[in-house]
Each structure stands twice: as structure tokens, then as C-alpha cells.
Amino acid sequence: MWLIFCFLSLKIIIVLGTITPLTLFVLQSNTFPGLFEGQNVITLQRTPSTNEYLKNELSKSTPLREGTVIMAVDQYAGRGQKGTTWQSEPGKNVTCSLLLMPSFLDPKRQFDLTAAISLAIAQWLESLLQLSVKIKWPNDMYVGDRKIGGILIENILKGKVWKSAVIGIGINVNQTEFPPEIQAHTTSVKQILHTDCDLTKLLTDLCQYIERVYTALKRGENNTLLTLYKQHLYRLGELHPFLVDGVRVEGILSGVTETGRLQVDFNGHTVDFDIKEIAFVI
């Protein structure tokens, strides 16, 4: 059953110039109840990357309030972890970036935000799909052994203060065909539910889940959220192959540290890894 959402205002802004080379944007700004006392959603018809667009606006001191979402109909050069690209069919998926200003968090605990946002997306997908959703460390969403989405968080610090965080989110929704090299390990909401979904409604619901965990972070519930994140880890407690310095090894994924390092048990000896030091063999 779909929830009915109330839209407070709707305005269309046509940009006559180009914001990025060879790109004409149609901006649609929606303000509706929810995230941070009223969420502002700006929809771009076409953009290379919503994260890059949002960071560029911040660099120009554009007055954007916390909770602003940049949504792309066609994001043709989205990025993932380790410099990977996010391939998305225009108009079929949730491809957006969310602006947060977590100055209340210690920059040394940046992974707290990653864990919280990843948990929110996993819980939202579980509610939508009525299936178990796992988080492949650090922040990819998996249903079974198929990827359905992921996030890319880019933090902006000013001295010792966490000024802002740009949360890039990509979720496969209505797309059913993917490039051959990833088709076997990729899925979407439509492939699971066998029906098209309204992207605007999904985004609204997703932001509500993010608001809950972000509010919990503000209340200091970091450890609780980290515990829930660990419980959602893909392959937790299982013997699994990994690549370490290009060498295939097998170990049991046992958890993550407070700073987000992956913990793997090798015959009773636990080793912590950074994202550049280890890779899953899927």
C-alpha cells in the first residue's frame, strides 16, 4: 500500500545556460514535509554526477540547507567506491545526492555516518522488498548475491570541524537490463517485485529512513547503529574468499572496527583491513 505524501509547493526553473559542458538542465524544486523540517529536492534532467553538482554548488557558497537532495533523471557518469562507475538507465533508478552537515560528529568517527546511512538504506529496502538486504562492506546493498545499490560519501572538513557530507545514493529500481559484465550479479526493485515503482515516492520514503538514523546519531546512539550495521553485513560469520595484495585467501568476516576497518579471521587470527587493502571475491 502506498503512503500518500503532501507536497507543499512545486516550482519549475528553466536554466538557459549550461552548468556543465553540453548539458542543459531543467531544475524542478520540490519542498515537502520530512527530512530536517522540510526537505528540498532539486531534480536535474541530466548531469554527469549529482555528487559533483552538489559539491560545485557548495564551493560557490550556494545557500543550500541541510537535507537538500539533488535528484538526477539521467546521471551518465556516476561514481562508486575505488573509482568505479555507476551505470544507470535514464529515468529508471534513484540516483541522487543528499546534503548533510554533521558538525556534531567527531571527524575521526566518519564511519559512524557511513554505517548509519548504509543501515537506513538497507532497512528501507527490506521494508520495500520484504526480503533480507545485506551491506557488502563498506556500503553496497545486496539481495542474495546480487547488488541492488550503493552509496558514496564525500566529506568536507574545515580544520577539525566536519563542515558537510555529500551522500551519493544509487538504487536500481525500474531498470531490468544491465551490461553483460554485471548482469549476473545485479538486480533491481522491479526484478524482485515485478512492477514499476514511482521514484518520487520511493525517494520520499528513503529520506524518512535516513532522517531516523541521522536523528539517532544526533542523540549519540552511534554504538547502537554500528551494532545494527554489523548485523547486516554481507557474509558475516561465513568463510569467504578475498583478495589481499592480489593474493586469493579465505577467511571469516567477523565485523568492522569503530573506524570502519573490515575484520577478517584467518584461522583464529583477526586482521583489520582498509578499503584499499582487501576486496571480496564475488
Protein backbone atom coordinates (compact mmCIF):
# COMPACT_ATOMS: atom_id res chain seq x y z
CA MET A 1 0.00 0.00 0.00
CA TRP A 2 1.42 3.36 -0.99
CA LEU A 3 1.54 6.17 1.52
CA ILE A 4 0.09 9.49 0.40
CA PHE A 5 2.56 12.35 0.63
CA CYS A 6 1.65 16.02 0.80
CA PHE A 7 3.61 18.35 -1.48
CA LEU A 8 3.74 21.86 -0.06
CA SER A 9 4.99 23.63 -3.12
CA LEU A 10 6.17 22.95 -6.64
CA LYS A 11 8.13 25.20 -8.94
CA ILE A 12 9.89 24.75 -12.28
CA ILE A 13 13.11 26.59 -13.05
CA ILE A 14 14.45 26.53 -16.60
CA VAL A 15 18.17 27.18 -16.82
CA LEU A 16 19.04 28.83 -20.10
CA GLY A 17 22.77 28.40 -19.81
CA THR A 18 24.87 25.31 -19.34
CA ILE A 19 26.04 24.17 -15.93
CA THR A 20 28.38 21.53 -17.31
CA PRO A 21 29.64 21.17 -20.88
CA LEU A 22 26.99 20.17 -23.44
CA THR A 23 24.31 19.89 -20.75
CA LEU A 24 21.02 21.75 -20.47
CA PHE A 25 19.36 21.29 -17.11
CA VAL A 26 15.72 21.54 -16.23
CA LEU A 27 15.53 22.08 -12.49
CA GLN A 28 12.45 21.10 -10.60
CA SER A 29 12.44 22.05 -6.92
CA ASN A 30 10.01 20.29 -4.61
CA THR A 31 9.62 21.06 -0.94
CA PHE A 32 7.71 18.57 1.17
CA PRO A 33 7.46 17.55 4.83
CA GLY A 34 10.06 15.25 6.25
CA LEU A 35 13.79 15.45 6.44
CA PHE A 36 15.04 18.28 8.63
CA GLU A 37 11.77 20.19 8.88
CA GLY A 38 11.02 20.25 5.19
CA GLN A 39 13.07 18.55 2.52
CA ASN A 40 14.16 20.39 -0.61
CA VAL A 41 14.52 18.21 -3.72
CA ILE A 42 16.12 19.64 -6.85
CA THR A 43 15.72 17.44 -9.92
CA LEU A 44 18.28 17.68 -12.72
CA GLN A 45 17.21 16.38 -16.11
CA ARG A 46 20.77 15.34 -16.99
CA THR A 47 24.08 15.58 -15.16
CA PRO A 48 27.37 13.67 -15.04
CA SER A 49 27.23 13.23 -11.28
CA THR A 50 24.86 14.51 -8.60
CA ASN A 51 27.73 14.44 -6.10
CA GLU A 52 29.86 16.66 -8.33
CA TYR A 53 26.95 19.01 -8.95
CA LEU A 54 26.25 19.38 -5.23
CA LYS A 55 29.93 19.88 -4.37
CA ASN A 56 30.23 22.54 -7.08
CA GLU A 57 27.23 24.39 -5.66
CA LEU A 58 28.75 24.26 -2.17
CA SER A 59 32.08 25.57 -3.49
CA LYS A 60 30.20 28.58 -4.91
CA SER A 61 28.62 29.18 -1.47
CA THR A 62 25.16 28.48 -2.86
CA PRO A 63 22.79 28.69 0.13
CA LEU A 64 21.61 25.09 0.46
CA ARG A 65 20.06 23.91 3.68
CA GLU A 66 20.75 20.58 5.31
CA GLY A 67 18.55 17.88 3.85
CA THR A 68 18.72 19.23 0.29
CA VAL A 69 18.54 16.39 -2.26
CA ILE A 70 19.86 16.59 -5.82
CA MET A 71 17.99 14.01 -7.92
CA ALA A 72 19.03 13.13 -11.48
CA VAL A 73 16.78 11.75 -14.18
CA ASP A 74 19.87 10.89 -16.22
CA GLN A 75 23.17 10.57 -14.36
CA TYR A 76 25.62 9.44 -17.00
CA ALA A 77 28.93 9.46 -15.12
CA GLY A 78 28.08 8.43 -11.58
CA ARG A 79 30.90 7.19 -9.37
CA GLY A 80 31.24 4.38 -6.86
CA GLN A 81 33.92 3.22 -4.46
CA LYS A 82 37.54 2.84 -5.65
CA GLY A 83 36.86 4.98 -8.73
CA THR A 84 34.28 2.60 -10.21
CA THR A 85 31.42 3.93 -12.33
CA TRP A 86 27.72 3.63 -11.59
CA GLN A 87 25.80 2.75 -14.76
CA SER A 88 22.15 3.77 -14.72
CA GLU A 89 19.45 3.81 -17.39
CA PRO A 90 17.88 7.30 -17.60
CA GLY A 91 14.63 7.73 -15.71
CA LYS A 92 14.66 4.24 -14.25
CA ASN A 93 16.53 4.49 -10.95
CA VAL A 94 17.06 6.52 -7.80
CA THR A 95 20.27 8.47 -8.45
CA CYS A 96 20.66 11.31 -6.01
CA SER A 97 22.88 13.14 -3.56
CA LEU A 98 21.90 14.32 -0.10
CA LEU A 99 23.49 17.21 1.79
CA LEU A 100 24.15 16.69 5.49
CA MET A 101 26.02 18.90 7.94
CA PRO A 102 27.16 16.55 10.71
CA SER A 103 29.25 19.06 12.64
CA PHE A 104 28.12 17.34 15.85
CA LEU A 105 30.22 14.29 14.94
CA ASP A 106 33.94 13.88 15.56
CA PRO A 107 35.71 13.78 12.15
CA LYS A 108 37.73 10.84 13.50
CA ARG A 109 34.48 8.84 13.54
CA GLN A 110 33.46 9.45 9.94
CA PHE A 111 32.50 5.81 9.59
CA ASP A 112 29.61 6.38 12.02
CA LEU A 113 27.86 8.31 9.25
CA THR A 114 28.65 5.65 6.64
CA ALA A 115 27.27 2.93 8.91
CA ALA A 116 24.12 4.92 9.73
CA ILE A 117 23.26 5.81 6.12
CA SER A 118 24.01 2.27 4.91
CA LEU A 119 21.79 0.87 7.64
CA ALA A 120 18.95 3.25 6.73
CA ILE A 121 19.07 2.21 3.07
CA ALA A 122 19.18 -1.49 3.97
CA GLN A 123 16.20 -1.14 6.31
CA TRP A 124 14.26 0.85 3.71
CA LEU A 125 14.90 -1.78 1.06
CA GLU A 126 13.90 -4.57 3.44
CA SER A 127 10.61 -2.81 4.10
CA LEU A 128 10.02 -2.29 0.39
CA LEU A 129 11.06 -5.75 -0.81
CA GLN A 130 10.07 -7.82 2.24
CA LEU A 131 13.42 -9.57 1.86
CA SER A 132 16.68 -9.62 3.77
CA VAL A 133 19.11 -6.98 2.49
CA LYS A 134 22.80 -7.14 3.34
CA ILE A 135 25.52 -4.48 3.28
CA LYS A 136 28.65 -5.53 1.43
CA TRP A 137 31.32 -3.61 3.30
CA PRO A 138 31.51 -0.75 3.36
CA ASN A 139 28.29 0.41 1.71
CA ASP A 140 26.96 -1.67 -1.19
CA MET A 141 23.44 -3.12 -0.91
CA TYR A 142 22.94 -6.78 -1.75
CA VAL A 143 19.90 -9.02 -2.09
CA GLY A 144 21.32 -12.52 -2.00
CA ASP A 145 24.47 -12.32 -4.11
CA ARG A 146 23.19 -9.53 -6.35
CA LYS A 147 23.92 -5.85 -5.96
CA ILE A 148 20.89 -3.55 -5.90
CA GLY A 149 22.52 -0.27 -4.88
CA GLY A 150 25.29 1.58 -3.14
CA ILE A 151 26.42 4.88 -1.70
CA LEU A 152 29.43 7.16 -1.99
CA ILE A 153 30.01 9.64 0.86
CA GLU A 154 32.34 12.59 0.31
CA ASN A 155 33.15 14.57 3.43
CA ILE A 156 34.15 18.23 3.54
CA LEU A 157 36.17 19.25 6.59
CA LYS A 158 37.17 22.72 7.76
CA GLY A 159 40.06 22.40 10.15
CA LYS A 160 38.91 19.99 12.86
CA VAL A 161 35.23 20.60 12.13
CA TRP A 162 33.10 18.38 9.91
CA LYS A 163 31.50 21.01 7.70
CA SER A 164 29.34 18.91 5.38
CA ALA A 165 28.86 15.49 3.85
CA VAL A 166 27.65 14.77 0.32
CA ILE A 167 25.83 11.43 0.31
CA GLY A 168 25.62 9.92 -3.17
CA ILE A 169 22.98 7.19 -3.46
CA GLY A 170 22.26 4.86 -6.37
CA ILE A 171 19.46 2.28 -6.22
CA ASN A 172 18.39 0.07 -9.13
CA VAL A 173 14.61 0.46 -9.29
CA ASN A 174 12.84 0.06 -12.65
CA GLN A 175 15.86 -0.98 -14.72
CA THR A 176 15.88 -4.66 -15.72
CA GLU A 177 18.70 -4.84 -18.29
CA PHE A 178 22.32 -4.27 -17.29
CA PRO A 179 25.67 -4.51 -19.10
CA PRO A 180 26.69 -8.14 -19.71
CA GLU A 181 29.69 -7.92 -17.39
CA ILE A 182 27.49 -7.16 -14.35
CA GLN A 183 24.13 -8.66 -15.35
CA ALA A 184 24.64 -11.89 -13.38
CA HIS A 185 25.47 -10.06 -10.15
CA THR A 186 22.99 -7.19 -10.35
CA THR A 187 19.30 -6.87 -9.52
CA SER A 188 16.64 -4.19 -9.16
CA VAL A 189 13.41 -3.50 -7.31
CA LYS A 190 11.39 -4.28 -10.44
CA GLN A 191 13.13 -7.59 -11.00
CA ILE A 192 12.14 -8.61 -7.47
CA LEU A 193 8.64 -7.10 -7.21
CA HIS A 194 7.76 -7.44 -10.93
CA THR A 195 6.21 -3.99 -11.04
CA ASP A 196 7.24 -0.41 -11.81
CA CYS A 197 7.68 1.93 -8.85
CA ASP A 198 7.20 5.68 -8.50
CA LEU A 199 10.69 7.12 -7.99
CA THR A 200 9.47 10.24 -6.20
CA LYS A 201 7.53 8.22 -3.64
CA LEU A 202 10.47 5.90 -3.11
CA LEU A 203 12.83 8.83 -2.58
CA THR A 204 10.49 10.38 -0.03
CA ASP A 205 10.26 7.14 1.91
CA LEU A 206 14.03 6.61 1.73
CA CYS A 207 14.68 10.09 3.14
CA GLN A 208 12.41 9.31 6.08
CA TYR A 209 14.54 6.28 6.93
CA ILE A 210 17.70 8.38 6.63
CA GLU A 211 16.19 11.03 8.89
CA ARG A 212 15.56 8.42 11.60
CA VAL A 213 19.14 7.18 11.74
CA TYR A 214 20.58 10.68 11.42
CA THR A 215 18.46 11.82 14.34
CA ALA A 216 19.70 8.78 16.28
CA LEU A 217 23.28 9.87 15.54
CA LYS A 218 22.47 13.31 16.92
CA ARG A 219 21.17 11.62 20.09
CA GLY A 220 24.52 9.88 20.47
CA GLU A 221 23.31 6.38 19.54
CA ASN A 222 26.42 5.72 17.45
CA ASN A 223 27.24 2.36 19.03
CA THR A 224 23.70 1.05 18.61
CA LEU A 225 23.68 1.98 14.93
CA LEU A 226 27.12 0.42 14.42
CA THR A 227 25.90 -2.81 16.03
CA LEU A 228 22.89 -2.92 13.69
CA TYR A 229 25.16 -2.19 10.74
CA LYS A 230 27.37 -5.14 11.68
CA GLN A 231 24.33 -7.41 11.89
CA HIS A 232 23.51 -6.52 8.26
CA LEU A 233 26.99 -7.27 6.93
CA TYR A 234 27.14 -9.41 3.81
CA ARG A 235 28.84 -12.76 4.52
CA LEU A 236 29.11 -12.05 8.25
CA GLY A 237 30.41 -15.14 10.06
CA GLU A 238 30.95 -17.01 6.81
CA LEU A 239 34.11 -18.40 5.27
CA HIS A 240 34.62 -16.35 2.13
CA PRO A 241 37.38 -15.73 -0.45
CA PHE A 242 39.10 -12.34 -0.52
CA LEU A 243 41.89 -10.73 -2.49
CA VAL A 244 44.67 -9.34 -0.29
CA ASP A 245 47.51 -7.69 -2.22
CA GLY A 246 46.34 -9.60 -5.27
CA VAL A 247 46.51 -12.96 -3.49
CA ARG A 248 43.34 -15.02 -3.05
CA VAL A 249 42.83 -16.05 0.57
CA GLU A 250 39.91 -17.38 2.59
CA GLY A 251 38.78 -16.02 5.92
CA ILE A 252 35.73 -15.48 8.08
CA LEU A 253 34.29 -11.97 8.06
CA SER A 254 33.90 -11.17 11.76
CA GLY A 255 32.94 -7.47 11.83
CA VAL A 256 34.22 -3.92 11.50
CA THR A 257 36.10 -1.60 13.82
CA GLU A 258 34.75 1.75 15.05
CA THR A 259 36.75 3.45 12.32
CA GLY A 260 35.28 1.18 9.63
CA ARG A 261 38.12 -1.24 9.03
CA LEU A 262 36.98 -4.70 7.96
CA GLN A 263 37.82 -7.52 10.37
CA VAL A 264 38.59 -10.93 8.91
CA ASP A 265 39.54 -14.02 10.90
CA PHE A 266 42.25 -16.21 9.39
CA ASN A 267 42.48 -19.44 11.38
CA GLY A 268 41.92 -17.69 14.69
CA HIS A 269 43.99 -14.59 13.86
CA THR A 270 41.92 -11.44 13.20
CA VAL A 271 43.30 -8.84 10.79
CA ASP A 272 41.86 -5.35 10.14
CA PHE A 273 41.77 -4.03 6.57
CA ASP A 274 41.21 -0.65 4.93
CA ILE A 275 39.10 -0.49 1.76
CA LYS A 276 42.21 -0.30 -0.44
CA GLU A 277 43.77 -3.37 1.17
CA ILE A 278 41.17 -6.07 0.59
CA ALA A 279 38.46 -7.00 -1.92
CA PHE A 280 35.65 -9.51 -1.94
CA VAL A 281 35.74 -12.30 -4.49
CA ILE A 282 32.16 -12.48 -5.78
